[in-house]
Amino acid sequence: MQNEPSMEIDLRRIGVDFAPYVIAEMSANHNGKIETAYRIIEAAKLAGADAVKLQTYKPETITLNCDTEEFRIHGGLWDGRNLFDLYREAHMPWEWHAPLFDYAKKIGITIFSSPFDHTAVDLLESLHAPAYKIASFEAIDLPLIRYVAKTGKPMIISTGMASVEEIQEAIDAARSAGCTQLAILHCVSGYPAPASDYNLRTIADMRERFGLVTGLSDHTLDNTTAITSIAMGASIIEKHFTLDRSGGGPDDSFSLEPADLAQLCKGAKTAWEALGRVSYERQASELGNVKFRRSLYFVKDMKAGEVITKDHIRSVRPGFGLPPKHFDAIIGKKMSVDADYGTAVNWDYFI
């Protein structure tokens, strides 16, 4: 394809002309143990993911330590939880970031994070993060987007819950502050989200409307939606990733396990390869089967001088005779030589 937008993270090109970029989102699935975080990074690498992503915040930087009803979740996966308590349980200690970044670099998988305030960006900059992800809930935090953009690093913005106008505002904020490599992810911010809510045709519209690398942040429970998104032009797929879906952590229940992530990485690449290009050419895998197409054969012993009727020839397999489109043109012609039953018809047999 020509003039398609692309970007680069850690020397990996991303866009519709390149294999899908798969991000394994660790989120809160470390469940408070750095050993688990190490294992998640290793498992993401083994599954074939391009990157593993963290979330960088403290409970006091993402919400207030307040217990009024406004700060309590009603309904859904975290029903009844106080926001501060939930984020205190889910957050990744900042002192873990450096060793986890070092470990990812050691085993050869890209690692970056979603910052939730300016201090998080500062921490990630000190670790030389190669890119940044803006979470859907922060897509309307234009000052945060501008602060991230000023790093000059590639940025990915999830658009869950955002209107067209809000998406454009986020893009404009990033561009105005110097971001030159930008992607947006179609997202439904439900945990989990039903596939029927995803309206994947939106991805094609987003690519055309905003002219950016476009992908999918997928919160469904399996890989069908994510792999299907490739056909709509998704170049990035982000999925929550855990070692054990029954682990009991805040995000475990809607996350992929290692075997699922491996299937996603393989399936997404296969889907992308299958898209290929517009082509009516005969493909290499077909060449050996051309001879088994239908063609015209004599179905009776024929003598020189006989006039061909519809009872003398038939369209059958294999394909060594004349194409069936010549059937009517041959009726009424006179044989120039003898021909046995089962002989492929060609023009040399007729006067």
Protein backbone atom coordinates (compact mmCIF):
# COMPACT_ATOMS: atom_id res chain seq x y z
CA MET A 1 0.00 0.00 0.00
CA GLN A 2 1.10 3.58 -0.59
CA ASN A 3 0.90 6.60 1.72
CA GLU A 4 -0.24 4.52 4.66
CA PRO A 5 0.66 6.02 8.05
CA SER A 6 3.28 4.20 10.07
CA MET A 7 5.31 4.63 13.23
CA GLU A 8 8.21 2.96 14.98
CA ILE A 9 8.72 1.69 18.53
CA ASP A 10 12.10 0.22 19.48
CA LEU A 11 13.06 -0.10 15.79
CA ARG A 12 9.87 -2.08 15.05
CA ARG A 13 7.81 -0.53 12.23
CA ILE A 14 4.07 -0.45 12.84
CA GLY A 15 1.33 0.05 10.25
CA VAL A 16 -0.86 -1.90 7.86
CA ASP A 17 2.16 -2.77 5.72
CA PHE A 18 3.76 -4.55 8.67
CA ALA A 19 2.75 -7.54 10.82
CA PRO A 20 0.39 -6.61 13.68
CA TYR A 21 2.05 -5.19 16.80
CA VAL A 22 0.81 -7.16 19.81
CA ILE A 23 0.97 -5.57 23.27
CA ALA A 24 0.55 -7.71 26.40
CA GLU A 25 -0.96 -5.46 29.07
CA MET A 26 0.20 -6.53 32.54
CA SER A 27 -2.00 -4.02 34.34
CA ALA A 28 -2.67 -5.25 37.90
CA ASN A 29 -2.00 -8.89 37.10
CA HIS A 30 1.26 -8.91 39.05
CA ASN A 31 -1.06 -9.19 42.07
CA GLY A 32 1.45 -7.51 44.34
CA LYS A 33 4.39 -9.83 43.62
CA ILE A 34 7.37 -8.72 41.58
CA GLU A 35 8.20 -12.37 40.89
CA THR A 36 4.85 -12.65 39.12
CA ALA A 37 5.65 -9.53 37.11
CA TYR A 38 8.92 -11.08 35.96
CA ARG A 39 7.10 -14.25 34.94
CA ILE A 40 4.48 -12.28 33.01
CA ILE A 41 7.20 -10.49 31.03
CA GLU A 42 8.91 -13.78 30.25
CA ALA A 43 5.63 -15.45 29.27
CA ALA A 44 4.74 -12.54 26.96
CA LYS A 45 8.10 -12.91 25.24
CA LEU A 46 7.65 -16.67 24.83
CA ALA A 47 4.13 -16.19 23.45
CA GLY A 48 5.45 -13.94 20.69
CA ALA A 49 4.18 -10.54 21.87
CA ASP A 50 6.04 -7.49 20.60
CA ALA A 51 5.76 -5.57 23.85
CA VAL A 52 4.65 -5.80 27.43
CA LYS A 53 2.98 -2.77 28.99
CA LEU A 54 2.78 -1.59 32.58
CA GLN A 55 0.66 1.03 34.31
CA THR A 56 2.49 3.71 36.27
CA TYR A 57 0.60 5.48 39.04
CA LYS A 58 0.19 5.69 42.77
CA PRO A 59 -3.25 5.55 44.37
CA GLU A 60 -2.90 9.19 45.43
CA THR A 61 -1.97 10.31 41.88
CA ILE A 62 -4.95 8.65 40.22
CA THR A 63 -7.72 9.40 42.73
CA LEU A 64 -8.41 10.85 46.19
CA ASN A 65 -8.43 8.97 49.48
CA CYS A 66 -12.08 9.69 49.93
CA ASP A 67 -14.93 7.34 50.81
CA THR A 68 -17.97 9.25 49.64
CA GLU A 69 -20.34 7.61 47.18
CA GLU A 70 -18.72 9.42 44.26
CA PHE A 71 -15.52 7.49 44.96
CA ARG A 72 -17.21 4.10 45.19
CA ILE A 73 -17.83 1.77 42.23
CA HIS A 74 -21.40 0.62 41.65
CA GLY A 75 -21.95 -2.40 39.38
CA GLY A 76 -19.58 -4.36 37.21
CA LEU A 77 -16.49 -6.34 38.07
CA TRP A 78 -15.42 -4.11 40.98
CA ASP A 79 -18.85 -3.44 42.47
CA GLY A 80 -18.67 -1.87 45.91
CA ARG A 81 -14.95 -1.13 45.80
CA ASN A 82 -13.58 2.21 46.93
CA LEU A 83 -11.42 3.71 44.18
CA PHE A 84 -8.46 4.48 46.43
CA ASP A 85 -8.43 0.98 47.90
CA LEU A 86 -8.77 -0.62 44.45
CA TYR A 87 -5.86 1.35 43.03
CA ARG A 88 -3.76 0.77 46.13
CA GLU A 89 -4.17 -2.96 45.52
CA ALA A 90 -3.69 -2.76 41.76
CA HIS A 91 -0.82 -0.31 41.38
CA MET A 92 2.72 -1.34 40.59
CA PRO A 93 5.27 -0.08 43.13
CA TRP A 94 7.52 2.47 41.49
CA GLU A 95 10.67 0.77 42.73
CA TRP A 96 9.75 -2.24 40.58
CA HIS A 97 9.93 -0.31 37.33
CA ALA A 98 13.71 -0.18 36.92
CA PRO A 99 14.34 -3.91 37.50
CA LEU A 100 11.39 -4.86 35.27
CA PHE A 101 12.64 -2.57 32.48
CA ASP A 102 16.09 -4.13 32.85
CA TYR A 103 14.69 -7.66 32.73
CA ALA A 104 12.60 -6.98 29.61
CA LYS A 105 15.64 -5.54 27.88
CA LYS A 106 17.70 -8.55 28.91
CA ILE A 107 15.30 -11.09 27.40
CA GLY A 108 14.57 -8.98 24.31
CA ILE A 109 11.01 -7.70 24.60
CA THR A 110 9.97 -4.05 24.41
CA ILE A 111 8.53 -2.60 27.61
CA PHE A 112 6.69 0.68 28.14
CA SER A 113 3.86 1.99 30.27
CA SER A 114 0.75 4.09 30.68
CA PRO A 115 1.53 7.10 32.85
CA PHE A 116 -1.33 8.66 34.78
CA ASP A 117 0.27 11.94 35.85
CA HIS A 118 3.35 14.06 35.22
CA THR A 119 5.43 12.37 37.93
CA ALA A 120 4.83 9.01 36.26
CA VAL A 121 6.11 10.42 32.97
CA ASP A 122 9.21 11.71 34.75
CA LEU A 123 9.88 8.26 36.21
CA LEU A 124 9.45 6.56 32.86
CA GLU A 125 11.68 9.10 31.16
CA SER A 126 14.42 8.31 33.68
CA LEU A 127 14.13 4.68 32.53
CA HIS A 128 14.31 5.64 28.83
CA ALA A 129 10.83 4.32 28.01
CA PRO A 130 10.66 3.90 24.22
CA ALA A 131 6.97 4.86 23.95
CA TYR A 132 3.91 5.87 25.95
CA LYS A 133 0.32 4.69 26.09
CA ILE A 134 -2.54 6.96 27.15
CA ALA A 135 -5.36 4.96 28.73
CA SER A 136 -8.95 5.54 27.62
CA PHE A 137 -9.93 7.16 30.90
CA GLU A 138 -7.08 9.68 30.45
CA ALA A 139 -7.79 10.44 26.78
CA ILE A 140 -9.55 13.64 27.87
CA ASP A 141 -6.60 14.73 30.06
CA LEU A 142 -5.12 17.05 27.46
CA PRO A 143 -2.44 18.49 29.79
CA LEU A 144 -1.16 14.94 30.42
CA ILE A 145 -1.17 14.20 26.69
CA ARG A 146 0.79 17.37 25.98
CA TYR A 147 3.30 16.53 28.72
CA VAL A 148 3.85 13.07 27.24
CA ALA A 149 4.12 14.51 23.74
CA LYS A 150 6.93 16.80 24.83
CA THR A 151 9.12 13.73 25.45
CA GLY A 152 9.28 13.26 21.68
CA LYS A 153 8.48 9.55 22.08
CA PRO A 154 5.86 7.61 20.09
CA MET A 155 2.43 7.73 21.71
CA ILE A 156 -0.59 5.42 21.56
CA ILE A 157 -3.97 6.75 22.72
CA SER A 158 -6.91 4.49 23.59
CA THR A 159 -10.26 6.02 22.70
CA GLY A 160 -12.75 4.12 24.87
CA MET A 161 -15.76 6.31 25.79
CA ALA A 162 -14.38 9.21 23.71
CA SER A 163 -16.49 11.01 21.14
CA VAL A 164 -15.16 11.93 17.70
CA GLU A 165 -14.62 15.46 18.97
CA GLU A 166 -12.73 14.24 22.05
CA ILE A 167 -10.53 11.97 19.93
CA GLN A 168 -9.69 14.91 17.68
CA GLU A 169 -8.89 17.08 20.71
CA ALA A 170 -6.51 14.42 22.03
CA ILE A 171 -4.80 14.15 18.64
CA ASP A 172 -4.51 17.92 18.36
CA ALA A 173 -3.05 18.14 21.87
CA ALA A 174 -0.43 15.52 21.04
CA ARG A 175 0.47 17.10 17.71
CA SER A 176 0.64 20.63 19.12
CA ALA A 177 3.13 19.52 21.78
CA GLY A 178 5.45 17.86 19.30
CA CYS A 179 4.29 14.24 18.92
CA THR A 180 5.24 13.06 15.44
CA GLN A 181 4.54 9.34 15.87
CA LEU A 182 0.99 8.77 17.03
CA ALA A 183 -1.47 5.87 17.00
CA ILE A 184 -5.04 5.54 18.24
CA LEU A 185 -6.78 2.42 19.48
CA HIS A 186 -10.45 1.69 19.11
CA CYS A 187 -11.60 0.53 22.54
CA VAL A 188 -14.70 -0.36 24.54
CA SER A 189 -14.06 0.41 28.19
CA GLY A 190 -16.04 -2.46 29.65
CA TYR A 191 -14.35 -5.11 31.78
CA PRO A 192 -15.03 -7.48 30.15
CA ALA A 193 -16.76 -6.06 27.07
CA PRO A 194 -19.07 -8.11 24.82
CA ALA A 195 -17.93 -8.55 21.23
CA SER A 196 -21.26 -7.12 20.05
CA ASP A 197 -20.27 -3.73 21.50
CA TYR A 198 -17.10 -3.43 19.45
CA ASN A 199 -18.45 -2.27 16.08
CA LEU A 200 -15.15 -3.10 14.41
CA ARG A 201 -16.09 -1.23 11.23
CA THR A 202 -15.25 1.86 13.28
CA ILE A 203 -11.55 1.00 12.87
CA ALA A 204 -11.69 1.53 9.11
CA ASP A 205 -13.51 4.80 9.63
CA MET A 206 -10.95 5.95 12.22
CA ARG A 207 -8.08 5.21 9.82
CA GLU A 208 -9.72 7.30 7.11
CA ARG A 209 -11.04 10.06 9.38
CA PHE A 210 -7.89 10.69 11.42
CA GLY A 211 -5.16 9.42 9.08
CA LEU A 212 -3.24 7.66 11.85
CA VAL A 213 -1.97 4.18 12.63
CA THR A 214 -5.03 2.56 14.18
CA GLY A 215 -5.46 -0.49 16.37
CA LEU A 216 -7.63 -2.20 18.95
CA SER A 217 -7.55 -2.35 22.72
CA ASP A 218 -9.62 -5.48 23.27
CA HIS A 219 -11.42 -6.36 26.50
CA THR A 220 -13.40 -9.34 25.20
CA LEU A 221 -12.72 -12.75 26.70
CA ASP A 222 -11.28 -14.49 23.64
CA ASN A 223 -9.30 -13.70 20.51
CA THR A 224 -12.04 -13.59 17.87
CA THR A 225 -12.62 -9.85 18.03
CA ALA A 226 -8.92 -9.01 18.05
CA ILE A 227 -8.05 -11.22 15.09
CA THR A 228 -11.08 -9.98 13.13
CA SER A 229 -9.93 -6.39 13.68
CA ILE A 230 -6.92 -7.05 11.45
CA ALA A 231 -9.25 -7.30 8.46
CA MET A 232 -10.57 -3.82 9.31
CA GLY A 233 -7.08 -2.33 9.27
CA ALA A 234 -5.94 -2.69 12.88
CA SER A 235 -2.13 -2.51 13.12
CA ILE A 236 -1.88 -2.76 16.92
CA ILE A 237 -3.62 -5.18 19.26
CA GLU A 238 -3.53 -4.72 23.00
CA LYS A 239 -4.87 -7.39 25.36
CA HIS A 240 -4.66 -7.80 29.12
CA PHE A 241 -2.35 -10.69 29.98
CA THR A 242 -2.04 -12.89 33.06
CA LEU A 243 -0.45 -16.17 34.07
CA ASP A 244 -3.71 -17.48 35.51
CA ARG A 245 -7.19 -16.15 34.77
CA SER A 246 -8.41 -17.56 38.09
CA GLY A 247 -5.65 -15.81 40.04
CA GLY A 248 -8.08 -13.56 41.88
CA GLY A 249 -6.49 -10.22 40.98
CA PRO A 250 -8.49 -7.17 39.86
CA ASP A 251 -7.92 -7.81 36.15
CA ASP A 252 -7.19 -11.54 35.99
CA SER A 253 -10.70 -12.66 35.04
CA PHE A 254 -10.78 -10.82 31.68
CA SER A 255 -7.12 -11.38 30.72
CA LEU A 256 -5.53 -13.85 28.32
CA GLU A 257 -3.43 -16.70 29.64
CA PRO A 258 -0.11 -17.64 27.95
CA ALA A 259 -1.56 -20.18 25.52
CA ASP A 260 -4.26 -17.68 24.50
CA LEU A 261 -1.69 -14.94 23.89
CA ALA A 262 0.40 -17.28 21.75
CA GLN A 263 -2.69 -18.08 19.68
CA LEU A 264 -3.44 -14.38 19.33
CA CYS A 265 0.07 -13.56 18.12
CA LYS A 266 -0.04 -16.37 15.58
CA GLY A 267 -3.63 -15.73 14.49
CA ALA A 268 -3.17 -11.99 14.07
CA LYS A 269 -0.11 -12.50 11.88
CA THR A 270 -1.91 -15.13 9.80
CA ALA A 271 -4.88 -12.78 9.34
CA TRP A 272 -2.55 -9.99 8.22
CA GLU A 273 -0.73 -12.28 5.79
CA ALA A 274 -4.06 -13.44 4.38
CA LEU A 275 -5.11 -9.85 3.61
CA GLY A 276 -2.24 -9.49 1.14
CA ARG A 277 -3.09 -7.19 -1.76
CA VAL A 278 -5.70 -6.91 -4.49
CA SER A 279 -4.80 -9.74 -6.86
CA TYR A 280 -6.59 -11.74 -9.55
CA GLU A 281 -3.42 -13.58 -10.45
CA ARG A 282 -3.13 -17.35 -10.23
CA GLN A 283 -1.34 -18.09 -6.97
CA ALA A 284 1.60 -20.45 -6.62
CA SER A 285 -0.39 -22.90 -4.50
CA GLU A 286 -2.96 -23.20 -7.32
CA LEU A 287 -0.63 -23.95 -10.21
CA GLY A 288 -0.60 -27.70 -9.75
CA ASN A 289 -4.40 -27.85 -9.75
CA VAL A 290 -5.06 -26.01 -13.01
CA LYS A 291 -5.03 -29.35 -14.85
CA PHE A 292 -7.98 -30.52 -12.76
CA ARG A 293 -10.33 -27.79 -13.99
CA ARG A 294 -13.11 -28.79 -16.42
CA SER A 295 -12.55 -29.05 -20.16
CA LEU A 296 -14.13 -30.70 -23.18
CA TYR A 297 -13.64 -34.44 -23.89
CA PHE A 298 -15.00 -36.83 -26.48
CA VAL A 299 -17.45 -39.24 -24.83
CA LYS A 300 -17.84 -41.52 -27.88
CA ASP A 301 -15.45 -43.03 -30.41
CA MET A 302 -15.45 -40.62 -33.34
CA LYS A 303 -14.71 -41.20 -37.03
CA ALA A 304 -13.38 -38.74 -39.57
CA GLY A 305 -16.26 -36.99 -41.34
CA GLU A 306 -18.78 -37.31 -38.46
CA VAL A 307 -20.63 -34.17 -37.48
CA ILE A 308 -20.34 -33.22 -33.79
CA THR A 309 -23.54 -33.25 -31.73
CA LYS A 310 -24.05 -32.46 -28.05
CA ASP A 311 -23.94 -36.20 -27.34
CA HIS A 312 -20.36 -36.49 -28.58
CA ILE A 313 -18.59 -34.11 -26.16
CA ARG A 314 -18.92 -33.19 -22.47
CA SER A 315 -17.44 -30.79 -19.97
CA VAL A 316 -15.55 -32.91 -17.43
CA ARG A 317 -12.41 -32.90 -15.35
CA PRO A 318 -9.39 -32.83 -16.01
CA GLY A 319 -8.45 -29.70 -17.91
CA PHE A 320 -6.35 -30.81 -20.88
CA GLY A 321 -9.04 -30.11 -23.49
CA LEU A 322 -10.60 -26.92 -24.77
CA PRO A 323 -12.35 -24.74 -22.17
CA PRO A 324 -16.11 -25.45 -21.80
CA LYS A 325 -16.92 -21.99 -23.19
CA HIS A 326 -16.27 -23.43 -26.69
CA PHE A 327 -18.95 -26.15 -26.37
CA ASP A 328 -21.57 -24.42 -28.54
CA ALA A 329 -19.02 -23.37 -31.15
CA ILE A 330 -17.95 -26.99 -31.66
CA ILE A 331 -21.46 -28.40 -32.18
CA GLY A 332 -22.01 -28.92 -35.93
CA LYS A 333 -18.35 -29.12 -36.84
CA LYS A 334 -17.05 -32.09 -38.82
CA MET A 335 -14.31 -34.42 -37.59
CA SER A 336 -11.07 -34.25 -39.61
CA VAL A 337 -9.58 -37.44 -38.07
CA ASP A 338 -10.64 -40.30 -35.81
CA ALA A 339 -10.72 -39.79 -32.02
CA ASP A 340 -11.26 -42.33 -29.25
CA TYR A 341 -13.56 -42.08 -26.25
CA GLY A 342 -11.82 -40.11 -23.47
CA THR A 343 -9.71 -37.99 -25.82
CA ALA A 344 -9.27 -34.31 -24.93
CA VAL A 345 -10.93 -32.08 -27.50
CA ASN A 346 -8.78 -29.57 -29.42
CA TRP A 347 -9.25 -27.62 -32.61
CA ASP A 348 -7.03 -29.98 -34.62
CA TYR A 349 -9.81 -32.57 -34.66
CA PHE A 350 -12.15 -30.47 -36.82
CA ILE A 351 -12.31 -29.45 -40.43
